[in-house]
Protein backbone atom coordinates (compact mmCIF):
# COMPACT_ATOMS: atom_id res chain seq x y z
CA UNK A 1 0.00 0.00 0.00
CA UNK A 2 1.21 3.49 -0.83
CA UNK A 3 0.37 4.78 2.64
CA UNK A 4 2.69 2.19 4.17
CA UNK A 5 5.53 3.41 1.96
CA UNK A 6 5.00 7.03 3.00
CA UNK A 7 4.84 6.04 6.66
CA UNK A 8 8.10 4.12 6.28
CA UNK A 9 9.71 7.15 4.62
CA UNK A 10 8.58 9.31 7.55
CA UNK A 11 10.06 6.82 10.04
CA UNK A 12 13.37 7.01 8.18
CA UNK A 13 13.28 10.81 7.92
CA UNK A 14 10.80 12.55 10.20
CA UNK A 15 11.32 15.82 8.29
CA UNK A 16 10.41 14.40 4.88
CA UNK A 17 7.87 17.09 3.99
CA UNK A 18 6.56 15.41 0.86
CA UNK A 19 6.03 12.04 2.54
CA UNK A 20 4.23 13.72 5.43
CA UNK A 21 1.90 15.70 3.20
CA UNK A 22 1.19 12.69 0.97
CA UNK A 23 0.49 10.43 3.95
CA UNK A 24 -1.81 13.04 5.47
CA UNK A 25 -3.72 13.41 2.19
CA UNK A 26 -4.16 9.64 1.90
CA UNK A 27 -5.32 9.35 5.52
CA UNK A 28 -7.82 12.14 4.91
CA UNK A 29 -9.06 10.47 1.72
CA UNK A 30 -9.51 7.21 3.64
CA UNK A 31 -11.64 8.99 6.23
CA UNK A 32 -8.95 8.72 8.91
CA UNK A 33 -9.24 12.40 9.77
CA UNK A 34 -8.03 12.17 13.35
CA UNK A 35 -4.76 10.53 12.28
CA UNK A 36 -4.31 13.00 9.44
CA UNK A 37 -4.85 15.98 11.75
CA UNK A 38 -2.46 14.60 14.36
CA UNK A 39 0.36 14.26 11.84
CA UNK A 40 -0.20 17.56 10.04
CA UNK A 41 -0.59 19.46 13.32
CA UNK A 42 2.77 18.18 14.52
CA UNK A 43 4.36 18.97 11.18
CA UNK A 44 3.07 22.56 11.27
CA UNK A 45 4.50 22.96 14.79
CA UNK A 46 7.89 21.81 13.51
CA UNK A 47 7.70 23.71 10.19
CA UNK A 48 5.58 26.85 10.76
CA UNK A 49 6.62 28.33 7.40
CA UNK A 50 5.27 25.38 5.42
CA UNK A 51 2.31 27.15 3.84
CA UNK A 52 1.01 24.01 2.14
CA UNK A 53 0.90 22.12 5.44
CA UNK A 54 -0.80 25.08 7.14
CA UNK A 55 -3.36 25.16 4.34
CA UNK A 56 -3.98 21.42 4.74
CA UNK A 57 -4.43 21.82 8.50
CA UNK A 58 -6.95 24.64 8.05
CA UNK A 59 -8.76 22.75 5.32
CA UNK A 60 -8.94 19.39 7.08
CA UNK A 61 -9.42 20.75 10.60
CA UNK A 62 -11.77 23.60 9.78
CA UNK A 63 -9.96 25.94 12.16
CA UNK A 64 -8.25 29.23 11.34
CA UNK A 65 -9.55 29.02 7.77
CA UNK A 66 -8.51 32.18 5.92
CA UNK A 67 -10.83 33.96 3.50
CA UNK A 68 -8.40 33.13 0.71
CA UNK A 69 -5.28 31.06 0.22
CA UNK A 70 -2.14 32.62 1.65
CA UNK A 71 0.25 34.11 -0.93
CA UNK A 72 3.04 31.83 0.27
CA UNK A 73 0.78 28.80 -0.23
CA UNK A 74 0.05 29.84 -3.82
CA UNK A 75 3.77 30.42 -4.45
CA UNK A 76 4.79 27.05 -2.98
CA UNK A 77 2.13 25.17 -4.92
CA UNK A 78 3.05 26.75 -8.24
CA UNK A 79 6.79 26.54 -7.59
CA UNK A 80 6.33 22.77 -7.14
CA UNK A 81 5.20 22.54 -10.75
C-alpha atoms as a PDB file:
ATOM      1  CA  UNK A   1       0.000   0.000   0.000  1.00  0.00           C
ATOM      2  CA  UNK A   2       1.210   3.489  -0.825  1.00  0.00           C
ATOM      3  CA  UNK A   3       0.365   4.777   2.641  1.00  0.00           C
ATOM      4  CA  UNK A   4       2.691   2.194   4.174  1.00  0.00           C
ATOM      5  CA  UNK A   5       5.528   3.409   1.958  1.00  0.00           C
ATOM      6  CA  UNK A   6       5.000   7.030   2.995  1.00  0.00           C
ATOM      7  CA  UNK A   7       4.840   6.039   6.660  1.00  0.00           C
ATOM      8  CA  UNK A   8       8.102   4.124   6.283  1.00  0.00           C
ATOM      9  CA  UNK A   9       9.706   7.148   4.624  1.00  0.00           C
ATOM     10  CA  UNK A  10       8.575   9.309   7.554  1.00  0.00           C
ATOM     11  CA  UNK A  11      10.060   6.822  10.040  1.00  0.00           C
ATOM     12  CA  UNK A  12      13.371   7.006   8.182  1.00  0.00           C
ATOM     13  CA  UNK A  13      13.279  10.811   7.917  1.00  0.00           C
ATOM     14  CA  UNK A  14      10.800  12.546  10.202  1.00  0.00           C
ATOM     15  CA  UNK A  15      11.317  15.817   8.290  1.00  0.00           C
ATOM     16  CA  UNK A  16      10.410  14.396   4.877  1.00  0.00           C
ATOM     17  CA  UNK A  17       7.865  17.088   3.994  1.00  0.00           C
ATOM     18  CA  UNK A  18       6.558  15.409   0.857  1.00  0.00           C
ATOM     19  CA  UNK A  19       6.031  12.038   2.540  1.00  0.00           C
ATOM     20  CA  UNK A  20       4.230  13.718   5.429  1.00  0.00           C
ATOM     21  CA  UNK A  21       1.898  15.700   3.196  1.00  0.00           C
ATOM     22  CA  UNK A  22       1.187  12.695   0.972  1.00  0.00           C
ATOM     23  CA  UNK A  23       0.493  10.434   3.950  1.00  0.00           C
ATOM     24  CA  UNK A  24      -1.811  13.036   5.465  1.00  0.00           C
ATOM     25  CA  UNK A  25      -3.718  13.410   2.191  1.00  0.00           C
ATOM     26  CA  UNK A  26      -4.157   9.640   1.904  1.00  0.00           C
ATOM     27  CA  UNK A  27      -5.322   9.350   5.520  1.00  0.00           C
ATOM     28  CA  UNK A  28      -7.824  12.137   4.909  1.00  0.00           C
ATOM     29  CA  UNK A  29      -9.058  10.475   1.718  1.00  0.00           C
ATOM     30  CA  UNK A  30      -9.507   7.208   3.642  1.00  0.00           C
ATOM     31  CA  UNK A  31     -11.635   8.993   6.234  1.00  0.00           C
ATOM     32  CA  UNK A  32      -8.955   8.721   8.907  1.00  0.00           C
ATOM     33  CA  UNK A  33      -9.237  12.403   9.769  1.00  0.00           C
ATOM     34  CA  UNK A  34      -8.030  12.175  13.354  1.00  0.00           C
ATOM     35  CA  UNK A  35      -4.759  10.529  12.281  1.00  0.00           C
ATOM     36  CA  UNK A  36      -4.306  13.004   9.440  1.00  0.00           C
ATOM     37  CA  UNK A  37      -4.847  15.979  11.755  1.00  0.00           C
ATOM     38  CA  UNK A  38      -2.460  14.602  14.363  1.00  0.00           C
ATOM     39  CA  UNK A  39       0.359  14.255  11.840  1.00  0.00           C
ATOM     40  CA  UNK A  40      -0.198  17.560  10.042  1.00  0.00           C
ATOM     41  CA  UNK A  41      -0.593  19.464  13.323  1.00  0.00           C
ATOM     42  CA  UNK A  42       2.770  18.180  14.522  1.00  0.00           C
ATOM     43  CA  UNK A  43       4.362  18.972  11.176  1.00  0.00           C
ATOM     44  CA  UNK A  44       3.075  22.564  11.272  1.00  0.00           C
ATOM     45  CA  UNK A  45       4.498  22.959  14.792  1.00  0.00           C
ATOM     46  CA  UNK A  46       7.893  21.810  13.506  1.00  0.00           C
ATOM     47  CA  UNK A  47       7.703  23.712  10.188  1.00  0.00           C
ATOM     48  CA  UNK A  48       5.582  26.849  10.763  1.00  0.00           C
ATOM     49  CA  UNK A  49       6.621  28.334   7.397  1.00  0.00           C
ATOM     50  CA  UNK A  50       5.270  25.380   5.416  1.00  0.00           C
ATOM     51  CA  UNK A  51       2.309  27.151   3.843  1.00  0.00           C
ATOM     52  CA  UNK A  52       1.006  24.013   2.142  1.00  0.00           C
ATOM     53  CA  UNK A  53       0.898  22.121   5.441  1.00  0.00           C
ATOM     54  CA  UNK A  54      -0.803  25.080   7.141  1.00  0.00           C
ATOM     55  CA  UNK A  55      -3.362  25.159   4.342  1.00  0.00           C
ATOM     56  CA  UNK A  56      -3.984  21.419   4.739  1.00  0.00           C
ATOM     57  CA  UNK A  57      -4.427  21.825   8.496  1.00  0.00           C
ATOM     58  CA  UNK A  58      -6.947  24.638   8.054  1.00  0.00           C
ATOM     59  CA  UNK A  59      -8.759  22.746   5.316  1.00  0.00           C
ATOM     60  CA  UNK A  60      -8.941  19.394   7.080  1.00  0.00           C
ATOM     61  CA  UNK A  61      -9.422  20.751  10.598  1.00  0.00           C
ATOM     62  CA  UNK A  62     -11.770  23.604   9.777  1.00  0.00           C
ATOM     63  CA  UNK A  63      -9.956  25.941  12.162  1.00  0.00           C
ATOM     64  CA  UNK A  64      -8.254  29.235  11.337  1.00  0.00           C
ATOM     65  CA  UNK A  65      -9.549  29.025   7.771  1.00  0.00           C
ATOM     66  CA  UNK A  66      -8.509  32.177   5.916  1.00  0.00           C
ATOM     67  CA  UNK A  67     -10.831  33.956   3.497  1.00  0.00           C
ATOM     68  CA  UNK A  68      -8.402  33.130   0.712  1.00  0.00           C
ATOM     69  CA  UNK A  69      -5.284  31.063   0.222  1.00  0.00           C
ATOM     70  CA  UNK A  70      -2.143  32.618   1.649  1.00  0.00           C
ATOM     71  CA  UNK A  71       0.248  34.107  -0.925  1.00  0.00           C
ATOM     72  CA  UNK A  72       3.039  31.831   0.267  1.00  0.00           C
ATOM     73  CA  UNK A  73       0.775  28.802  -0.227  1.00  0.00           C
ATOM     74  CA  UNK A  74       0.051  29.836  -3.819  1.00  0.00           C
ATOM     75  CA  UNK A  75       3.768  30.420  -4.450  1.00  0.00           C
ATOM     76  CA  UNK A  76       4.788  27.053  -2.979  1.00  0.00           C
ATOM     77  CA  UNK A  77       2.127  25.173  -4.924  1.00  0.00           C
ATOM     78  CA  UNK A  78       3.048  26.754  -8.238  1.00  0.00           C
ATOM     79  CA  UNK A  79       6.788  26.536  -7.587  1.00  0.00           C
ATOM     80  CA  UNK A  80       6.327  22.773  -7.145  1.00  0.00           C
ATOM     81  CA  UNK A  81       5.197  22.540 -10.752  1.00  0.00           C
END
